[in-house]
Amino acid sequence: MTIEFNIPPEHPAGFLKDWILPEGMTVTEAAKRLGVSRQSLDALLNQRRSLTPEMAKRLELTFGGTARLMLALQTKYDLYLTEQRVAEIAKTLTPFKRAG
């Protein structure tokens, strides 16, 4: 018997705050170390921006973790949000039918 949990994926911001960024480090200091603006990092950490491959690599090189894992979390979250809109998206499409 398998128990399934229907827990929706979360934006990777929580993972970054809890596991990647050092506890007690300010956003300003972290942004400086990453070579990005404070506003850019703040938008990511407050879920107003998605994690990009470049930012994931910057985080990996500066604080550890793996860019692949961080990007997998972002992709899973993005796909979940898209799947919530699948009916809306499907209305705008005309499926292609192959002959034969």
PDB file of N, CA and C in Angstrom:
ATOM      1  N   MET A   1       0.843  -1.179   0.000  1.00  0.00           N
ATOM      2  CA  MET A   1       0.000   0.000   0.000  1.00  0.00           C
ATOM      3  C   MET A   1       0.892   1.247   0.000  1.00  0.00           C
ATOM      4  N   THR A   2       0.591   2.161  -0.896  1.00  0.00           N
ATOM      5  CA  THR A   2       1.353   3.395  -1.017  1.00  0.00           C
ATOM      6  C   THR A   2       0.514   4.562  -0.526  1.00  0.00           C
ATOM      7  N   ILE A   3       1.113   5.372   0.279  1.00  0.00           N
ATOM      8  CA  ILE A   3       0.438   6.577   0.753  1.00  0.00           C
ATOM      9  C   ILE A   3       0.884   7.732  -0.127  1.00  0.00           C
ATOM     10  N   GLU A   4      -0.084   8.448  -0.678  1.00  0.00           N
ATOM     11  CA  GLU A   4       0.241   9.598  -1.511  1.00  0.00           C
ATOM     12  C   GLU A   4      -0.131  10.884  -0.788  1.00  0.00           C
ATOM     13  N   PHE A   5       0.751  11.844  -0.881  1.00  0.00           N
ATOM     14  CA  PHE A   5       0.497  13.159  -0.311  1.00  0.00           C
ATOM     15  C   PHE A   5       0.299  14.127  -1.465  1.00  0.00           C
ATOM     16  N   ASN A   6      -0.774  14.854  -1.447  1.00  0.00           N
ATOM     17  CA  ASN A   6      -1.040  15.850  -2.476  1.00  0.00           C
ATOM     18  C   ASN A   6      -0.555  17.215  -2.003  1.00  0.00           C
ATOM     19  N   ILE A   7       0.734  17.354  -1.912  1.00  0.00           N
ATOM     20  CA  ILE A   7       1.321  18.614  -1.490  1.00  0.00           C
ATOM     21  C   ILE A   7       1.849  19.308  -2.740  1.00  0.00           C
ATOM     22  N   PRO A   8       1.310  20.473  -3.063  1.00  0.00           N
ATOM     23  CA  PRO A   8       1.778  21.149  -4.273  1.00  0.00           C
ATOM     24  C   PRO A   8       3.227  21.608  -4.131  1.00  0.00           C
ATOM     25  N   PRO A   9       3.968  21.603  -5.237  1.00  0.00           N
ATOM     26  CA  PRO A   9       5.349  22.090  -5.185  1.00  0.00           C
ATOM     27  C   PRO A   9       5.380  23.556  -4.779  1.00  0.00           C
ATOM     28  N   GLU A  10       6.468  23.947  -4.149  1.00  0.00           N
ATOM     29  CA  GLU A  10       6.627  25.331  -3.726  1.00  0.00           C
ATOM     30  C   GLU A  10       7.714  26.016  -4.546  1.00  0.00           C
ATOM     31  N   HIS A  11       7.624  27.319  -4.612  1.00  0.00           N
ATOM     32  CA  HIS A  11       8.667  28.140  -5.226  1.00  0.00           C
ATOM     33  C   HIS A  11       9.978  27.822  -4.498  1.00  0.00           C
ATOM     34  N   PRO A  12      11.106  27.790  -5.203  1.00  0.00           N
ATOM     35  CA  PRO A  12      12.367  27.428  -4.544  1.00  0.00           C
ATOM     36  C   PRO A  12      12.877  28.432  -3.514  1.00  0.00           C
ATOM     37  N   ALA A  13      12.201  29.554  -3.337  1.00  0.00           N
ATOM     38  CA  ALA A  13      12.659  30.566  -2.379  1.00  0.00           C
ATOM     39  C   ALA A  13      12.821  30.000  -0.972  1.00  0.00           C
ATOM     40  N   GLY A  14      11.883  29.187  -0.536  1.00  0.00           N
ATOM     41  CA  GLY A  14      11.975  28.614   0.805  1.00  0.00           C
ATOM     42  C   GLY A  14      13.207  27.741   0.964  1.00  0.00           C
ATOM     43  N   PHE A  15      13.495  26.933  -0.045  1.00  0.00           N
ATOM     44  CA  PHE A  15      14.692  26.087  -0.034  1.00  0.00           C
ATOM     45  C   PHE A  15      15.953  26.951   0.039  1.00  0.00           C
ATOM     46  N   LEU A  16      15.967  28.012  -0.751  1.00  0.00           N
ATOM     47  CA  LEU A  16      17.135  28.894  -0.757  1.00  0.00           C
ATOM     48  C   LEU A  16      17.339  29.529   0.615  1.00  0.00           C
ATOM     49  N   LYS A  17      16.256  30.001   1.222  1.00  0.00           N
ATOM     50  CA  LYS A  17      16.350  30.644   2.543  1.00  0.00           C
ATOM     51  C   LYS A  17      16.768  29.649   3.621  1.00  0.00           C
ATOM     52  N   ASP A  18      16.186  28.438   3.582  1.00  0.00           N
ATOM     53  CA  ASP A  18      16.410  27.463   4.657  1.00  0.00           C
ATOM     54  C   ASP A  18      17.687  26.643   4.509  1.00  0.00           C
ATOM     55  N   TRP A  19      18.141  26.407   3.267  1.00  0.00           N
ATOM     56  CA  TRP A  19      19.239  25.468   3.061  1.00  0.00           C
ATOM     57  C   TRP A  19      20.465  26.045   2.368  1.00  0.00           C
ATOM     58  N   ILE A  20      20.309  27.107   1.604  1.00  0.00           N
ATOM     59  CA  ILE A  20      21.437  27.599   0.821  1.00  0.00           C
ATOM     60  C   ILE A  20      22.069  28.853   1.429  1.00  0.00           C
ATOM     61  N   LEU A  21      21.271  29.856   1.693  1.00  0.00           N
ATOM     62  CA  LEU A  21      21.824  31.096   2.242  1.00  0.00           C
ATOM     63  C   LEU A  21      22.176  30.921   3.718  1.00  0.00           C
ATOM     64  N   PRO A  22      23.315  31.443   4.132  1.00  0.00           N
ATOM     65  CA  PRO A  22      23.705  31.315   5.541  1.00  0.00           C
ATOM     66  C   PRO A  22      22.703  32.018   6.469  1.00  0.00           C
ATOM     67  N   GLU A  23      22.426  31.372   7.570  1.00  0.00           N
ATOM     68  CA  GLU A  23      21.495  31.935   8.556  1.00  0.00           C
ATOM     69  C   GLU A  23      22.047  33.266   9.066  1.00  0.00           C
ATOM     70  N   GLY A  24      21.172  34.253   9.106  1.00  0.00           N
ATOM     71  CA  GLY A  24      21.555  35.556   9.622  1.00  0.00           C
ATOM     72  C   GLY A  24      22.182  36.499   8.600  1.00  0.00           C
ATOM     73  N   MET A  25      22.495  35.991   7.414  1.00  0.00           N
ATOM     74  CA  MET A  25      23.080  36.861   6.384  1.00  0.00           C
ATOM     75  C   MET A  25      21.991  37.736   5.785  1.00  0.00           C
ATOM     76  N   THR A  26      22.275  39.005   5.634  1.00  0.00           N
ATOM     77  CA  THR A  26      21.288  39.922   5.062  1.00  0.00           C
ATOM     78  C   THR A  26      21.188  39.709   3.550  1.00  0.00           C
ATOM     79  N   VAL A  27      20.071  40.130   3.006  1.00  0.00           N
ATOM     80  CA  VAL A  27      19.881  40.061   1.556  1.00  0.00           C
ATOM     81  C   VAL A  27      20.929  40.928   0.869  1.00  0.00           C
ATOM     82  N   THR A  28      21.233  42.069   1.462  1.00  0.00           N
ATOM     83  CA  THR A  28      22.225  42.973   0.887  1.00  0.00           C
ATOM     84  C   THR A  28      23.593  42.303   0.796  1.00  0.00           C
ATOM     85  N   GLU A  29      24.013  41.652   1.875  1.00  0.00           N
ATOM     86  CA  GLU A  29      25.316  40.959   1.880  1.00  0.00           C
ATOM     87  C   GLU A  29      25.319  39.793   0.898  1.00  0.00           C
ATOM     88  N   ALA A  30      24.259  38.994   0.892  1.00  0.00           N
ATOM     89  CA  ALA A  30      24.181  37.852  -0.022  1.00  0.00           C
ATOM     90  C   ALA A  30      24.219  38.336  -1.471  1.00  0.00           C
ATOM     91  N   ALA A  31      23.482  39.389  -1.782  1.00  0.00           N
ATOM     92  CA  ALA A  31      23.448  39.922  -3.144  1.00  0.00           C
ATOM     93  C   ALA A  31      24.841  40.403  -3.559  1.00  0.00           C
ATOM     94  N   LYS A  32      25.538  41.053  -2.642  1.00  0.00           N
ATOM     95  CA  LYS A  32      26.889  41.538  -2.926  1.00  0.00           C
ATOM     96  C   LYS A  32      27.806  40.366  -3.262  1.00  0.00           C
ATOM     97  N   ARG A  33      27.731  39.299  -2.469  1.00  0.00           N
ATOM     98  CA  ARG A  33      28.562  38.116  -2.710  1.00  0.00           C
ATOM     99  C   ARG A  33      28.209  37.440  -4.036  1.00  0.00           C
ATOM    100  N   LEU A  34      26.925  37.480  -4.392  1.00  0.00           N
ATOM    101  CA  LEU A  34      26.463  36.861  -5.634  1.00  0.00           C
ATOM    102  C   LEU A  34      26.725  37.726  -6.866  1.00  0.00           C
ATOM    103  N   GLY A  35      27.022  39.007  -6.647  1.00  0.00           N
ATOM    104  CA  GLY A  35      27.255  39.912  -7.761  1.00  0.00           C
ATOM    105  C   GLY A  35      25.970  40.318  -8.467  1.00  0.00           C
ATOM    106  N   VAL A  36      24.874  40.403  -7.691  1.00  0.00           N
ATOM    107  CA  VAL A  36      23.576  40.818  -8.231  1.00  0.00           C
ATOM    108  C   VAL A  36      23.036  41.956  -7.367  1.00  0.00           C
ATOM    109  N   SER A  37      21.994  42.607  -7.857  1.00  0.00           N
ATOM    110  CA  SER A  37      21.409  43.689  -7.064  1.00  0.00           C
ATOM    111  C   SER A  37      20.597  43.115  -5.898  1.00  0.00           C
ATOM    112  N   ARG A  38      20.490  43.912  -4.847  1.00  0.00           N
ATOM    113  CA  ARG A  38      19.680  43.516  -3.703  1.00  0.00           C
ATOM    114  C   ARG A  38      18.238  43.307  -4.133  1.00  0.00           C
ATOM    115  N   GLN A  39      17.751  44.166  -5.024  1.00  0.00           N
ATOM    116  CA  GLN A  39      16.372  44.078  -5.498  1.00  0.00           C
ATOM    117  C   GLN A  39      16.121  42.771  -6.244  1.00  0.00           C
ATOM    118  N   SER A  40      17.089  42.348  -7.024  1.00  0.00           N
ATOM    119  CA  SER A  40      16.965  41.101  -7.787  1.00  0.00           C
ATOM    120  C   SER A  40      16.871  39.893  -6.852  1.00  0.00           C
ATOM    121  N   LEU A  41      17.751  39.835  -5.871  1.00  0.00           N
ATOM    122  CA  LEU A  41      17.726  38.719  -4.928  1.00  0.00           C
ATOM    123  C   LEU A  41      16.471  38.768  -4.064  1.00  0.00           C
ATOM    124  N   ASP A  42      16.083  39.959  -3.630  1.00  0.00           N
ATOM    125  CA  ASP A  42      14.870  40.107  -2.822  1.00  0.00           C
ATOM    126  C   ASP A  42      13.638  39.624  -3.590  1.00  0.00           C
ATOM    127  N   ALA A  43      13.561  39.950  -4.877  1.00  0.00           N
ATOM    128  CA  ALA A  43      12.419  39.507  -5.697  1.00  0.00           C
ATOM    129  C   ALA A  43      12.374  37.991  -5.781  1.00  0.00           C
ATOM    130  N   LEU A  44      13.523  37.353  -5.909  1.00  0.00           N
ATOM    131  CA  LEU A  44      13.582  35.891  -5.945  1.00  0.00           C
ATOM    132  C   LEU A  44      13.146  35.305  -4.605  1.00  0.00           C
ATOM    133  N   LEU A  45      13.691  35.816  -3.526  1.00  0.00           N
ATOM    134  CA  LEU A  45      13.403  35.269  -2.197  1.00  0.00           C
ATOM    135  C   LEU A  45      11.970  35.538  -1.739  1.00  0.00           C
ATOM    136  N   ASN A  46      11.323  36.519  -2.347  1.00  0.00           N
ATOM    137  CA  ASN A  46       9.927  36.811  -2.010  1.00  0.00           C
ATOM    138  C   ASN A  46       8.965  36.378  -3.116  1.00  0.00           C
ATOM    139  N   GLN A  47       9.447  35.453  -3.945  1.00  0.00           N
ATOM    140  CA  GLN A  47       8.639  34.770  -4.957  1.00  0.00           C
ATOM    141  C   GLN A  47       8.025  35.691  -6.008  1.00  0.00           C
ATOM    142  N   ARG A  48       8.684  36.794  -6.276  1.00  0.00           N
ATOM    143  CA  ARG A  48       8.220  37.688  -7.339  1.00  0.00           C
ATOM    144  C   ARG A  48       8.997  37.451  -8.625  1.00  0.00           C
ATOM    145  N   ARG A  49      10.008  36.597  -8.559  1.00  0.00           N
ATOM    146  CA  ARG A  49      10.848  36.295  -9.712  1.00  0.00           C
ATOM    147  C   ARG A  49      11.212  34.813  -9.664  1.00  0.00           C
ATOM    148  N   SER A  50      11.364  34.233 -10.838  1.00  0.00           N
ATOM    149  CA  SER A  50      11.781  32.827 -10.933  1.00  0.00           C
ATOM    150  C   SER A  50      13.301  32.716 -10.835  1.00  0.00           C
ATOM    151  N   LEU A  51      13.741  31.560 -10.436  1.00  0.00           N
ATOM    152  CA  LEU A  51      15.171  31.259 -10.376  1.00  0.00           C
ATOM    153  C   LEU A  51      15.662  30.976 -11.792  1.00  0.00           C
ATOM    154  N   THR A  52      16.663  31.692 -12.232  1.00  0.00           N
ATOM    155  CA  THR A  52      17.244  31.476 -13.561  1.00  0.00           C
ATOM    156  C   THR A  52      18.446  30.543 -13.454  1.00  0.00           C
ATOM    157  N   PRO A  53      18.846  29.933 -14.571  1.00  0.00           N
ATOM    158  CA  PRO A  53      20.047  29.093 -14.529  1.00  0.00           C
ATOM    159  C   PRO A  53      21.283  29.868 -14.067  1.00  0.00           C
ATOM    160  N   GLU A  54      21.411  31.115 -14.500  1.00  0.00           N
ATOM    161  CA  GLU A  54      22.578  31.895 -14.066  1.00  0.00           C
ATOM    162  C   GLU A  54      22.564  32.128 -12.557  1.00  0.00           C
ATOM    163  N   MET A  55      21.412  32.488 -12.003  1.00  0.00           N
ATOM    164  CA  MET A  55      21.334  32.723 -10.561  1.00  0.00           C
ATOM    165  C   MET A  55      21.592  31.419  -9.801  1.00  0.00           C
ATOM    166  N   ALA A  56      21.073  30.313 -10.311  1.00  0.00           N
ATOM    167  CA  ALA A  56      21.302  29.017  -9.654  1.00  0.00           C
ATOM    168  C   ALA A  56      22.801  28.707  -9.619  1.00  0.00           C
ATOM    169  N   LYS A  57      23.490  28.978 -10.703  1.00  0.00           N
ATOM    170  CA  LYS A  57      24.930  28.719 -10.751  1.00  0.00           C
ATOM    171  C   LYS A  57      25.678  29.673  -9.822  1.00  0.00           C
ATOM    172  N   ARG A  58      25.258  30.932  -9.758  1.00  0.00           N
ATOM    173  CA  ARG A  58      25.873  31.879  -8.833  1.00  0.00           C
ATOM    174  C   ARG A  58      25.704  31.395  -7.387  1.00  0.00           C
ATOM    175  N   LEU A  59      24.503  30.928  -7.050  1.00  0.00           N
ATOM    176  CA  LEU A  59      24.245  30.416  -5.703  1.00  0.00           C
ATOM    177  C   LEU A  59      25.123  29.199  -5.410  1.00  0.00           C
ATOM    178  N   GLU A  60      25.213  28.286  -6.367  1.00  0.00           N
ATOM    179  CA  GLU A  60      26.040  27.091  -6.201  1.00  0.00           C
ATOM    180  C   GLU A  60      27.502  27.459  -5.953  1.00  0.00           C
ATOM    181  N   LEU A  61      28.031  28.341  -6.768  1.00  0.00           N
ATOM    182  CA  LEU A  61      29.446  28.712  -6.657  1.00  0.00           C
ATOM    183  C   LEU A  61      29.756  29.521  -5.396  1.00  0.00           C
ATOM    184  N   THR A  62      28.774  30.271  -4.911  1.00  0.00           N
ATOM    185  CA  THR A  62      28.993  31.132  -3.751  1.00  0.00           C
ATOM    186  C   THR A  62      28.687  30.439  -2.431  1.00  0.00           C
ATOM    187  N   PHE A  63      27.555  29.738  -2.380  1.00  0.00           N
ATOM    188  CA  PHE A  63      27.084  29.192  -1.100  1.00  0.00           C
ATOM    189  C   PHE A  63      26.987  27.670  -1.051  1.00  0.00           C
ATOM    190  N   GLY A  64      27.155  27.004  -2.179  1.00  0.00           N
ATOM    191  CA  GLY A  64      27.052  25.550  -2.200  1.00  0.00           C
ATOM    192  C   GLY A  64      25.710  25.088  -2.736  1.00  0.00           C
ATOM    193  N   GLY A  65      25.437  23.811  -2.565  1.00  0.00           N
ATOM    194  CA  GLY A  65      24.246  23.234  -3.164  1.00  0.00           C
ATOM    195  C   GLY A  65      24.526  22.961  -4.630  1.00  0.00           C
ATOM    196  N   THR A  66      23.503  22.529  -5.355  1.00  0.00           N
ATOM    197  CA  THR A  66      23.706  22.293  -6.781  1.00  0.00           C
ATOM    198  C   THR A  66      22.674  23.070  -7.587  1.00  0.00           C
ATOM    199  N   ALA A  67      23.165  23.670  -8.657  1.00  0.00           N
ATOM    200  CA  ALA A  67      22.273  24.419  -9.541  1.00  0.00           C
ATOM    201  C   ALA A  67      21.193  23.496 -10.105  1.00  0.00           C
ATOM    202  N   ARG A  68      21.537  22.264 -10.416  1.00  0.00           N
ATOM    203  CA  ARG A  68      20.568  21.318 -10.982  1.00  0.00           C
ATOM    204  C   ARG A  68      19.386  21.090 -10.036  1.00  0.00           C
ATOM    205  N   LEU A  69      19.660  20.903  -8.762  1.00  0.00           N
ATOM    206  CA  LEU A  69      18.579  20.693  -7.799  1.00  0.00           C
ATOM    207  C   LEU A  69      17.715  21.946  -7.693  1.00  0.00           C
ATOM    208  N   MET A  70      18.352  23.107  -7.587  1.00  0.00           N
ATOM    209  CA  MET A  70      17.596  24.350  -7.455  1.00  0.00           C
ATOM    210  C   MET A  70      16.708  24.574  -8.682  1.00  0.00           C
ATOM    211  N   LEU A  71      17.250  24.297  -9.871  1.00  0.00           N
ATOM    212  CA  LEU A  71      16.470  24.479 -11.101  1.00  0.00           C
ATOM    213  C   LEU A  71      15.375  23.422 -11.232  1.00  0.00           C
ATOM    214  N   ALA A  72      15.621  22.226 -10.719  1.00  0.00           N
ATOM    215  CA  ALA A  72      14.580  21.187 -10.732  1.00  0.00           C
ATOM    216  C   ALA A  72      13.394  21.626  -9.873  1.00  0.00           C
ATOM    217  N   LEU A  73      13.668  22.256  -8.742  1.00  0.00           N
ATOM    218  CA  LEU A  73      12.593  22.773  -7.883  1.00  0.00           C
ATOM    219  C   LEU A  73      11.796  23.848  -8.617  1.00  0.00           C
ATOM    220  N   GLN A  74      12.508  24.744  -9.324  1.00  0.00           N
ATOM    221  CA  GLN A  74      11.831  25.807 -10.062  1.00  0.00           C
ATOM    222  C   GLN A  74      10.985  25.229 -11.194  1.00  0.00           C
ATOM    223  N   THR A  75      11.531  24.259 -11.919  1.00  0.00           N
ATOM    224  CA  THR A  75      10.803  23.645 -13.028  1.00  0.00           C
ATOM    225  C   THR A  75       9.553  22.923 -12.538  1.00  0.00           C
ATOM    226  N   LYS A  76       9.677  22.195 -11.442  1.00  0.00           N
ATOM    227  CA  LYS A  76       8.527  21.481 -10.878  1.00  0.00           C
ATOM    228  C   LYS A  76       7.430  22.473 -10.474  1.00  0.00           C
ATOM    229  N   TYR A  77       7.831  23.579  -9.873  1.00  0.00           N
ATOM    230  CA  TYR A  77       6.885  24.624  -9.468  1.00  0.00           C
ATOM    231  C   TYR A  77       6.213  25.253 -10.689  1.00  0.00           C
ATOM    232  N   ASP A  78       7.010  25.593 -11.698  1.00  0.00           N
ATOM    233  CA  ASP A  78       6.464  26.212 -12.915  1.00  0.00           C
ATOM    234  C   ASP A  78       5.487  25.285 -13.623  1.00  0.00           C
ATOM    235  N   LEU A  79       5.840  24.007 -13.720  1.00  0.00           N
ATOM    236  CA  LEU A  79       4.959  23.041 -14.375  1.00  0.00           C
ATOM    237  C   LEU A  79       3.652  22.888 -13.597  1.00  0.00           C
ATOM    238  N   TYR A  80       3.735  22.865 -12.282  1.00  0.00           N
ATOM    239  CA  TYR A  80       2.529  22.778 -11.451  1.00  0.00           C
ATOM    240  C   TYR A  80       1.603  23.966 -11.731  1.00  0.00           C
ATOM    241  N   LEU A  81       2.167  25.182 -11.768  1.00  0.00           N
ATOM    242  CA  LEU A  81       1.348  26.363 -12.042  1.00  0.00           C
ATOM    243  C   LEU A  81       0.718  26.292 -13.428  1.00  0.00           C
ATOM    244  N   THR A  82       1.464  25.812 -14.396  1.00  0.00           N
ATOM    245  CA  THR A  82       0.941  25.679 -15.760  1.00  0.00           C
ATOM    246  C   THR A  82      -0.169  24.640 -15.808  1.00  0.00           C
ATOM    247  N   GLU A  83       0.010  23.538 -15.104  1.00  0.00           N
ATOM    248  CA  GLU A  83      -1.022  22.488 -15.089  1.00  0.00           C
ATOM    249  C   GLU A  83      -2.323  22.991 -14.455  1.00  0.00           C
ATOM    250  N   GLN A  84      -2.242  23.964 -13.577  1.00  0.00           N
ATOM    251  CA  GLN A  84      -3.446  24.540 -12.980  1.00  0.00           C
ATOM    252  C   GLN A  84      -4.244  25.332 -14.011  1.00  0.00           C
ATOM    253  N   ARG A  85      -3.570  25.738 -15.103  1.00  0.00           N
ATOM    254  CA  ARG A  85      -4.207  26.542 -16.144  1.00  0.00           C
ATOM    255  C   ARG A  85      -4.427  25.761 -17.437  1.00  0.00           C
ATOM    256  N   VAL A  86      -4.280  24.432 -17.391  1.00  0.00           N
ATOM    257  CA  VAL A  86      -4.306  23.647 -18.622  1.00  0.00           C
ATOM    258  C   VAL A  86      -5.609  23.812 -19.401  1.00  0.00           C
ATOM    259  N   ALA A  87      -6.733  23.885 -18.742  1.00  0.00           N
ATOM    260  CA  ALA A  87      -8.010  24.043 -19.449  1.00  0.00           C
ATOM    261  C   ALA A  87      -8.048  25.388 -20.175  1.00  0.00           C
ATOM    262  N   GLU A  88      -7.580  26.422 -19.511  1.00  0.00           N
ATOM    263  CA  GLU A  88      -7.532  27.758 -20.106  1.00  0.00           C
ATOM    264  C   GLU A  88      -6.590  27.786 -21.317  1.00  0.00           C
ATOM    265  N   ILE A  89      -5.449  27.147 -21.183  1.00  0.00           N
ATOM    266  CA  ILE A  89      -4.474  27.092 -22.269  1.00  0.00           C
ATOM    267  C   ILE A  89      -5.031  26.293 -23.442  1.00  0.00           C
ATOM    268  N   ALA A  90      -5.645  25.155 -23.148  1.00  0.00           N
ATOM    269  CA  ALA A  90      -6.168  24.269 -24.196  1.00  0.00           C
ATOM    270  C   ALA A  90      -7.211  24.961 -25.071  1.00  0.00           C
ATOM    271  N   LYS A  91      -7.971  25.886 -24.502  1.00  0.00           N
ATOM    272  CA  LYS A  91      -9.002  26.615 -25.269  1.00  0.00           C
ATOM    273  C   LYS A  91      -8.390  27.417 -26.417  1.00  0.00           C
ATOM    274  N   THR A  92      -7.144  27.794 -26.284  1.00  0.00           N
ATOM    275  CA  THR A  92      -6.508  28.646 -27.293  1.00  0.00           C
ATOM    276  C   THR A  92      -5.771  27.848 -28.369  1.00  0.00           C
ATOM    277  N   LEU A  93      -5.773  26.521 -28.248  1.00  0.00           N
ATOM    278  CA  LEU A  93      -4.979  25.686 -29.144  1.00  0.00           C
ATOM    279  C   LEU A  93      -5.837  24.939 -30.155  1.00  0.00           C
ATOM    280  N   THR A  94      -5.244  24.640 -31.288  1.00  0.00           N
ATOM    281  CA  THR A  94      -5.854  23.786 -32.301  1.00  0.00           C
ATOM    282  C   THR A  94      -4.916  22.598 -32.479  1.00  0.00           C
ATOM    283  N   PRO A  95      -5.292  21.430 -31.954  1.00  0.00           N
ATOM    284  CA  PRO A  95      -4.402  20.277 -32.067  1.00  0.00           C
ATOM    285  C   PRO A  95      -4.142  19.905 -33.533  1.00  0.00           C
ATOM    286  N   PHE A  96      -2.944  19.495 -33.820  1.00  0.00           N
ATOM    287  CA  PHE A  96      -2.541  19.062 -35.154  1.00  0.00           C
ATOM    288  C   PHE A  96      -2.792  17.573 -35.267  1.00  0.00           C
ATOM    289  N   LYS A  97      -3.455  17.164 -36.317  1.00  0.00           N
ATOM    290  CA  LYS A  97      -3.719  15.738 -36.546  1.00  0.00           C
ATOM    291  C   LYS A  97      -2.909  15.285 -37.747  1.00  0.00           C
ATOM    292  N   ARG A  98      -2.089  14.314 -37.534  1.00  0.00           N
ATOM    293  CA  ARG A  98      -1.252  13.771 -38.615  1.00  0.00           C
ATOM    294  C   ARG A  98      -2.078  12.845 -39.502  1.00  0.00           C
ATOM    295  N   ALA A  99      -1.815  12.906 -40.769  1.00  0.00           N
ATOM    296  CA  ALA A  99      -2.506  12.032 -41.711  1.00  0.00           C
ATOM    297  C   ALA A  99      -1.911  10.634 -41.623  1.00  0.00           C
ATOM    298  N   GLY A 100      -2.792   9.657 -41.791  1.00  0.00           N
ATOM    299  CA  GLY A 100      -2.306   8.298 -41.912  1.00  0.00           C
ATOM    300  C   GLY A 100      -2.385   7.517 -40.701  1.00  0.00           C
TER     301      GLY A 100
END
